[in-house]
Amino acid sequence: MTKTIKVALAGAGAFGIKHLDGIKNIDGVEVVSLVSRELEKTKEVAAKYGIGHVSTELADSLALKEVDAVILCTPTQMHAEQSIACMKAGKHVQVEIPLADTLKGAQEVVALQKQTGLVAMCGHTRRFNPSHQYVHKEISAGRFNIQQMDVQTYFFRRSNMNALGQARSWTDHLLWHHAAHTVDLFAYQCGSPIVKANAIQGPIHPTLGIAMDMSIQLKAANGAICTLSLSFNNDGPLGTFFRYIGDSATYIARYDDLFNGKEEKIDVSKVDVSMNGIELQDREFFAAIREGREPNSSVAKVLPCYEVLHRLEQQLK
């Protein structure tokens, strides 16, 4: 495919905006349709980014013949169903993490992708952040092997708010959303499947109906281990912080930045064409469409993550 890839983006919230900002830097791609829940707000975002078609219904965008691909930044509970709708309409699809909030949903998406042959990718951004790419290259070159990963995923979210401090229409989830980043990254960086997984959680929030604190232990087949702590109760610092402890070095990754164990910053500016993980994720999606290949973080490649999350959910029940 050499023509301009025309994209519909569903979800004009915090993450939808990040994708729109990233796509501005990618040649040969145009967002032609924007879908979101509140029409007036969606029109405002569309006007800012020069997007001609606006709707509150994904089906309206899928009906547009010129749309080649869809990026879904919608509530978690919609991800599997909407991914399937996109492929049934003949559109390539990238769905933000998580792929689904049940293993069955994830399996159904993967099955349809295999049937259609379309590019279907999940936004496991950690695979694309320059910080984690740097570590991945060190592992691939045989210069570093993970012995342990210690990960903290911390937010202050005692009410249902998004990353912009706006009220959400849906409820976030520590296991099915935030743990998915680390579960997938751990297996990906180790190059080894997860063979043991344990989880415990704190009290269930009386109105949100979810656990606000969780602890997860993982072990890969090659012997590497991972400890993941998650909280919606933590009052700063916020975000996810990864400590890689290996046989030859220690690395600390904070989003797109990387430090050694002595807190000395490592230059990762030459790792890829951008320092923006979301932009790099989108570049991979569009490159896979043009080249007719399976992308990194394809729905098939990330399915093992959701199998682990399913096992952990069964434990927690």
Protein backbone atom coordinates (compact mmCIF):
# COMPACT_ATOMS: atom_id res chain seq x y z
CA MET A 1 0.00 0.00 0.00
CA THR A 2 1.60 3.26 -1.17
CA LYS A 3 -1.43 5.55 -1.02
CA THR A 4 -2.28 7.60 2.04
CA ILE A 5 -3.63 5.39 4.84
CA LYS A 6 -6.93 6.89 5.97
CA VAL A 7 -7.77 6.35 9.61
CA ALA A 8 -10.79 6.56 11.86
CA LEU A 9 -10.03 7.18 15.53
CA ALA A 10 -12.58 6.24 18.17
CA GLY A 11 -12.24 7.90 21.57
CA ALA A 12 -11.31 11.57 21.75
CA GLY A 13 -10.19 11.44 25.39
CA ALA A 14 -6.69 11.58 26.89
CA PHE A 15 -5.25 8.68 24.88
CA GLY A 16 -7.03 9.56 21.67
CA ILE A 17 -5.34 12.96 21.80
CA LYS A 18 -1.94 11.27 22.27
CA HIS A 19 -2.51 9.25 19.11
CA LEU A 20 -3.62 12.32 17.14
CA ASP A 21 -0.46 14.16 18.24
CA GLY A 22 1.72 11.19 17.25
CA ILE A 23 0.08 10.69 13.87
CA LYS A 24 0.82 14.34 12.95
CA ASN A 25 4.48 13.26 12.70
CA ILE A 26 3.86 10.27 10.42
CA ASP A 27 3.92 10.76 6.65
CA GLY A 28 1.29 9.16 4.46
CA VAL A 29 -1.37 8.86 7.17
CA GLU A 30 -4.51 10.96 7.55
CA VAL A 31 -7.17 10.82 10.25
CA VAL A 32 -10.45 11.32 8.36
CA SER A 33 -13.03 10.37 10.99
CA LEU A 34 -13.33 10.96 14.73
CA VAL A 35 -15.78 9.10 16.95
CA SER A 36 -16.53 9.88 20.59
CA ARG A 37 -19.36 9.90 23.07
CA GLU A 38 -20.03 13.65 23.35
CA LEU A 39 -20.69 15.23 19.97
CA GLU A 40 -19.79 18.85 20.78
CA LYS A 41 -16.48 17.96 22.44
CA THR A 42 -15.70 15.62 19.53
CA LYS A 43 -16.36 18.43 17.04
CA GLU A 44 -13.94 20.67 18.96
CA VAL A 45 -11.16 18.09 18.81
CA ALA A 46 -11.89 17.35 15.14
CA ALA A 47 -11.69 21.07 14.28
CA LYS A 48 -8.33 21.37 16.06
CA TYR A 49 -6.85 18.44 14.12
CA GLY A 50 -8.55 19.10 10.77
CA ILE A 51 -10.70 15.97 10.79
CA GLY A 52 -13.66 16.18 8.44
CA HIS A 53 -16.03 13.47 9.67
CA VAL A 54 -17.41 13.36 13.22
CA SER A 55 -19.83 10.91 14.81
CA THR A 56 -20.88 9.41 18.12
CA GLU A 57 -21.23 5.95 16.50
CA LEU A 58 -18.34 3.74 15.39
CA ALA A 59 -20.62 2.14 12.77
CA ASP A 60 -20.77 5.48 10.94
CA SER A 61 -16.99 5.51 10.55
CA LEU A 62 -16.85 1.85 9.53
CA ALA A 63 -19.36 2.62 6.77
CA LEU A 64 -16.92 5.06 5.14
CA LYS A 65 -15.30 3.30 2.17
CA GLU A 66 -12.18 5.47 2.32
CA VAL A 67 -11.33 4.35 5.86
CA ASP A 68 -8.52 1.77 5.76
CA ALA A 69 -7.80 1.41 9.47
CA VAL A 70 -9.23 2.18 12.89
CA ILE A 71 -7.55 3.09 16.17
CA LEU A 72 -9.71 2.32 19.22
CA CYS A 73 -9.15 4.41 22.37
CA THR A 74 -12.50 3.52 23.85
CA PRO A 75 -13.54 2.07 27.23
CA THR A 76 -11.97 -1.30 28.06
CA GLN A 77 -15.28 -3.14 28.05
CA MET A 78 -15.80 -2.24 24.36
CA HIS A 79 -12.40 -3.30 23.04
CA ALA A 80 -13.04 -6.88 21.92
CA GLU A 81 -16.49 -6.19 20.44
CA GLN A 82 -15.31 -3.10 18.56
CA SER A 83 -12.14 -4.79 17.28
CA ILE A 84 -14.31 -7.55 15.84
CA ALA A 85 -16.68 -4.98 14.27
CA CYS A 86 -13.73 -3.23 12.59
CA MET A 87 -12.40 -6.44 11.05
CA LYS A 88 -15.86 -7.54 9.94
CA ALA A 89 -16.05 -4.20 8.12
CA GLY A 90 -12.73 -5.00 6.40
CA LYS A 91 -10.68 -2.46 8.38
CA HIS A 92 -7.26 -2.96 9.94
CA VAL A 93 -7.45 -2.22 13.66
CA GLN A 94 -5.22 -1.10 16.50
CA VAL A 95 -6.93 -1.29 19.88
CA GLU A 96 -5.49 0.40 22.93
CA ILE A 97 -4.48 -1.83 25.83
CA PRO A 98 -6.12 -4.04 26.99
CA LEU A 99 -7.19 -6.21 24.07
CA ALA A 100 -10.19 -7.39 26.12
CA ASP A 101 -11.40 -7.68 29.69
CA THR A 102 -11.92 -11.45 29.39
CA LEU A 103 -9.83 -14.24 27.89
CA LYS A 104 -12.80 -15.30 25.74
CA GLY A 105 -13.00 -11.83 24.22
CA ALA A 106 -9.27 -11.82 23.45
CA GLN A 107 -9.47 -15.27 21.86
CA GLU A 108 -12.37 -14.21 19.64
CA VAL A 109 -10.41 -11.21 18.34
CA VAL A 110 -7.37 -13.38 17.56
CA ALA A 111 -9.53 -15.99 15.81
CA LEU A 112 -11.12 -13.37 13.52
CA GLN A 113 -7.74 -11.81 12.72
CA LYS A 114 -6.46 -15.20 11.56
CA GLN A 115 -9.59 -15.65 9.48
CA THR A 116 -9.44 -12.23 7.80
CA GLY A 117 -5.68 -11.73 7.53
CA LEU A 118 -6.10 -8.07 8.45
CA VAL A 119 -3.55 -6.26 10.63
CA ALA A 120 -4.84 -6.34 14.19
CA MET A 121 -2.59 -4.91 16.88
CA CYS A 122 -2.90 -4.07 20.56
CA GLY A 123 -1.35 -0.96 22.11
CA HIS A 124 1.21 -2.59 24.39
CA THR A 125 3.22 0.64 24.39
CA ARG A 126 6.04 -0.64 26.60
CA ARG A 127 7.32 -2.72 23.66
CA PHE A 128 7.88 0.57 21.81
CA ASN A 129 9.13 3.02 24.47
CA PRO A 130 12.79 3.85 23.65
CA SER A 131 13.77 3.00 27.24
CA HIS A 132 12.47 -0.57 26.98
CA GLN A 133 13.70 -0.90 23.39
CA TYR A 134 17.22 -0.11 24.62
CA VAL A 135 17.04 -2.92 27.17
CA HIS A 136 15.55 -5.26 24.55
CA LYS A 137 18.48 -4.59 22.20
CA GLU A 138 20.96 -5.29 25.01
CA ILE A 139 19.21 -8.62 25.67
CA SER A 140 19.08 -9.50 21.94
CA ALA A 141 22.81 -8.77 21.63
CA GLY A 142 23.56 -11.12 24.54
CA ARG A 143 24.96 -8.34 26.74
CA PHE A 144 22.23 -8.44 29.39
CA ASN A 145 19.97 -11.09 30.88
CA ILE A 146 17.08 -10.31 33.23
CA GLN A 147 17.24 -11.95 36.63
CA GLN A 148 14.43 -9.91 38.16
CA MET A 149 12.03 -7.11 37.29
CA ASP A 150 10.52 -4.95 40.05
CA VAL A 151 7.66 -2.81 38.80
CA GLN A 152 5.49 -0.20 40.51
CA THR A 153 2.28 1.00 38.82
CA TYR A 154 0.89 3.79 40.96
CA PHE A 155 -2.00 6.22 40.52
CA PHE A 156 -4.06 8.46 42.76
CA ARG A 157 -7.49 7.57 41.43
CA ARG A 158 -9.96 7.18 44.29
CA SER A 159 -12.71 8.48 42.01
CA ASN A 160 -13.47 7.60 38.40
CA MET A 161 -11.25 10.07 36.55
CA ASN A 162 -9.09 9.83 33.42
CA ALA A 163 -5.51 11.02 32.85
CA LEU A 164 -6.78 14.56 32.16
CA GLY A 165 -8.71 14.70 35.44
CA GLN A 166 -12.04 14.32 33.66
CA ALA A 167 -14.87 12.07 34.84
CA ARG A 168 -14.91 8.65 33.18
CA SER A 169 -18.00 6.89 31.84
CA TRP A 170 -16.43 3.50 32.68
CA THR A 171 -14.32 1.95 35.42
CA ASP A 172 -10.58 1.28 35.02
CA HIS A 173 -9.05 -1.98 36.26
CA LEU A 174 -5.67 -2.77 37.81
CA LEU A 175 -5.54 -6.37 36.56
CA TRP A 176 -7.06 -6.24 33.08
CA HIS A 177 -5.58 -2.88 32.11
CA HIS A 178 -2.53 -1.84 34.09
CA ALA A 179 -1.07 -5.25 34.91
CA ALA A 180 -1.35 -6.17 31.22
CA HIS A 181 1.50 -3.77 30.40
CA THR A 182 3.94 -5.49 32.74
CA VAL A 183 2.80 -9.09 32.21
CA ASP A 184 3.33 -8.72 28.46
CA LEU A 185 6.59 -6.76 28.78
CA PHE A 186 8.13 -9.27 31.20
CA ALA A 187 7.57 -12.23 28.85
CA TYR A 188 8.61 -10.16 25.80
CA GLN A 189 11.87 -8.95 27.37
CA CYS A 190 12.73 -12.37 28.77
CA GLY A 191 11.91 -14.08 25.48
CA SER A 192 10.41 -16.77 27.66
CA PRO A 193 6.80 -17.66 28.54
CA ILE A 194 5.38 -17.07 32.01
CA VAL A 195 5.03 -20.40 33.81
CA LYS A 196 4.03 -19.25 37.31
CA ALA A 197 1.74 -16.40 38.32
CA ASN A 198 0.33 -15.41 41.70
CA ALA A 199 -1.83 -12.47 42.80
CA ILE A 200 -3.34 -10.97 45.93
CA GLN A 201 -5.52 -7.88 46.18
CA GLY A 202 -6.69 -5.39 48.76
CA PRO A 203 -10.25 -4.43 49.72
CA ILE A 204 -12.88 -3.84 47.04
CA HIS A 205 -13.86 -0.16 46.71
CA PRO A 206 -17.47 0.30 47.94
CA THR A 207 -18.62 2.34 44.91
CA LEU A 208 -16.17 1.54 42.12
CA GLY A 209 -16.46 -2.20 42.76
CA ILE A 210 -12.77 -2.92 42.06
CA ALA A 211 -9.67 -3.62 44.12
CA MET A 212 -7.61 -0.47 44.57
CA ASP A 213 -4.38 -2.31 45.48
CA MET A 214 -2.84 -5.46 44.05
CA SER A 215 0.41 -7.46 44.13
CA ILE A 216 1.48 -9.90 41.40
CA GLN A 217 4.40 -12.35 41.18
CA LEU A 218 5.55 -13.89 37.89
CA LYS A 219 8.16 -16.43 36.86
CA ALA A 220 9.34 -17.10 33.32
CA ALA A 221 10.39 -20.49 31.99
CA ASN A 222 14.02 -19.29 31.87
CA GLY A 223 13.97 -18.63 35.63
CA ALA A 224 13.59 -14.83 35.63
CA ILE A 225 11.13 -13.42 38.16
CA CYS A 226 8.95 -10.30 38.35
CA THR A 227 7.24 -8.53 41.24
CA LEU A 228 4.52 -6.04 40.32
CA SER A 229 2.85 -3.67 42.80
CA LEU A 230 -0.24 -1.74 41.65
CA SER A 231 -2.32 0.90 43.41
CA PHE A 232 -5.03 3.47 42.73
CA ASN A 233 -4.51 4.79 46.29
CA ASN A 234 -0.97 6.13 45.92
CA ASP A 235 -0.65 9.90 46.37
CA GLY A 236 2.51 10.38 44.25
CA PRO A 237 4.80 9.96 42.52
CA LEU A 238 2.47 8.68 39.81
CA GLY A 239 3.11 6.39 36.87
CA THR A 240 4.86 3.09 36.24
CA PHE A 241 8.50 2.53 37.12
CA PHE A 242 10.47 -0.51 35.99
CA ARG A 243 13.68 -1.77 37.58
CA TYR A 244 15.52 -4.37 35.51
CA ILE A 245 18.01 -6.32 37.61
CA GLY A 246 20.29 -8.41 35.43
CA ASP A 247 23.51 -10.36 35.34
CA SER A 248 25.55 -7.41 34.03
CA ALA A 249 23.65 -4.20 34.83
CA THR A 250 20.64 -2.57 36.47
CA TYR A 251 18.29 -0.37 34.47
CA ILE A 252 15.45 1.86 35.67
CA ALA A 253 12.86 2.79 33.05
CA ARG A 254 10.39 5.63 33.53
CA TYR A 255 8.24 5.84 30.40
CA ASP A 256 10.56 6.92 27.56
CA ASP A 257 13.52 7.68 29.88
CA LEU A 258 16.16 5.21 31.09
CA PHE A 259 18.68 5.33 33.96
CA ASN A 260 21.28 2.95 35.33
CA GLY A 261 21.23 1.69 38.89
CA LYS A 262 23.17 4.77 40.02
CA GLU A 263 20.41 7.03 38.62
CA GLU A 264 22.66 8.20 35.77
CA LYS A 265 20.60 8.94 32.67
CA ILE A 266 21.23 6.80 29.60
CA ASP A 267 20.85 8.47 26.19
CA VAL A 268 18.12 6.59 24.31
CA SER A 269 17.46 9.35 21.76
CA LYS A 270 19.05 7.33 18.93
CA VAL A 271 17.19 4.08 19.67
CA ASP A 272 14.36 4.92 17.27
CA VAL A 273 13.07 7.73 15.07
CA SER A 274 11.11 9.31 17.93
CA MET A 275 11.15 9.51 21.71
CA ASN A 276 7.34 9.17 21.82
CA GLY A 277 6.24 5.61 22.56
CA ILE A 278 2.69 6.18 21.27
CA GLU A 279 3.98 7.59 17.98
CA LEU A 280 6.35 4.62 17.60
CA GLN A 281 3.48 2.24 18.30
CA ASP A 282 1.41 3.93 15.57
CA ARG A 283 4.36 3.87 13.15
CA GLU A 284 4.56 0.08 13.60
CA PHE A 285 0.83 -0.29 12.94
CA PHE A 286 0.95 1.66 9.68
CA ALA A 287 4.21 0.02 8.56
CA ALA A 288 2.66 -3.43 9.07
CA ILE A 289 -0.33 -2.40 6.93
CA ARG A 290 1.92 -1.11 4.13
CA GLU A 291 4.22 -4.13 4.26
CA GLY A 292 1.48 -6.73 4.69
CA ARG A 293 3.11 -8.28 7.76
CA GLU A 294 2.34 -9.11 11.37
CA PRO A 295 3.18 -6.19 13.66
CA ASN A 296 5.03 -6.27 16.95
CA SER A 297 2.27 -6.54 19.59
CA SER A 298 -0.15 -8.17 17.16
CA VAL A 299 -3.21 -9.57 18.87
CA ALA A 300 -1.79 -13.08 18.42
CA LYS A 301 1.56 -12.13 19.99
CA VAL A 302 -0.03 -10.57 23.08
CA LEU A 303 -2.64 -13.31 23.65
CA PRO A 304 -0.39 -15.17 26.17
CA CYS A 305 -0.57 -12.06 28.39
CA TYR A 306 -4.36 -12.36 28.59
CA GLU A 307 -4.10 -16.07 29.35
CA VAL A 308 -1.98 -15.14 32.39
CA LEU A 309 -4.41 -12.40 33.43
CA HIS A 310 -7.25 -14.92 33.22
CA ARG A 311 -5.37 -17.33 35.51
CA LEU A 312 -4.75 -14.51 37.99
CA GLU A 313 -8.41 -13.48 37.93
CA GLN A 314 -9.43 -17.04 38.76
CA GLN A 315 -7.06 -16.98 41.75
CA LEU A 316 -8.48 -13.69 42.99
CA LYS A 317 -12.03 -15.03 42.85
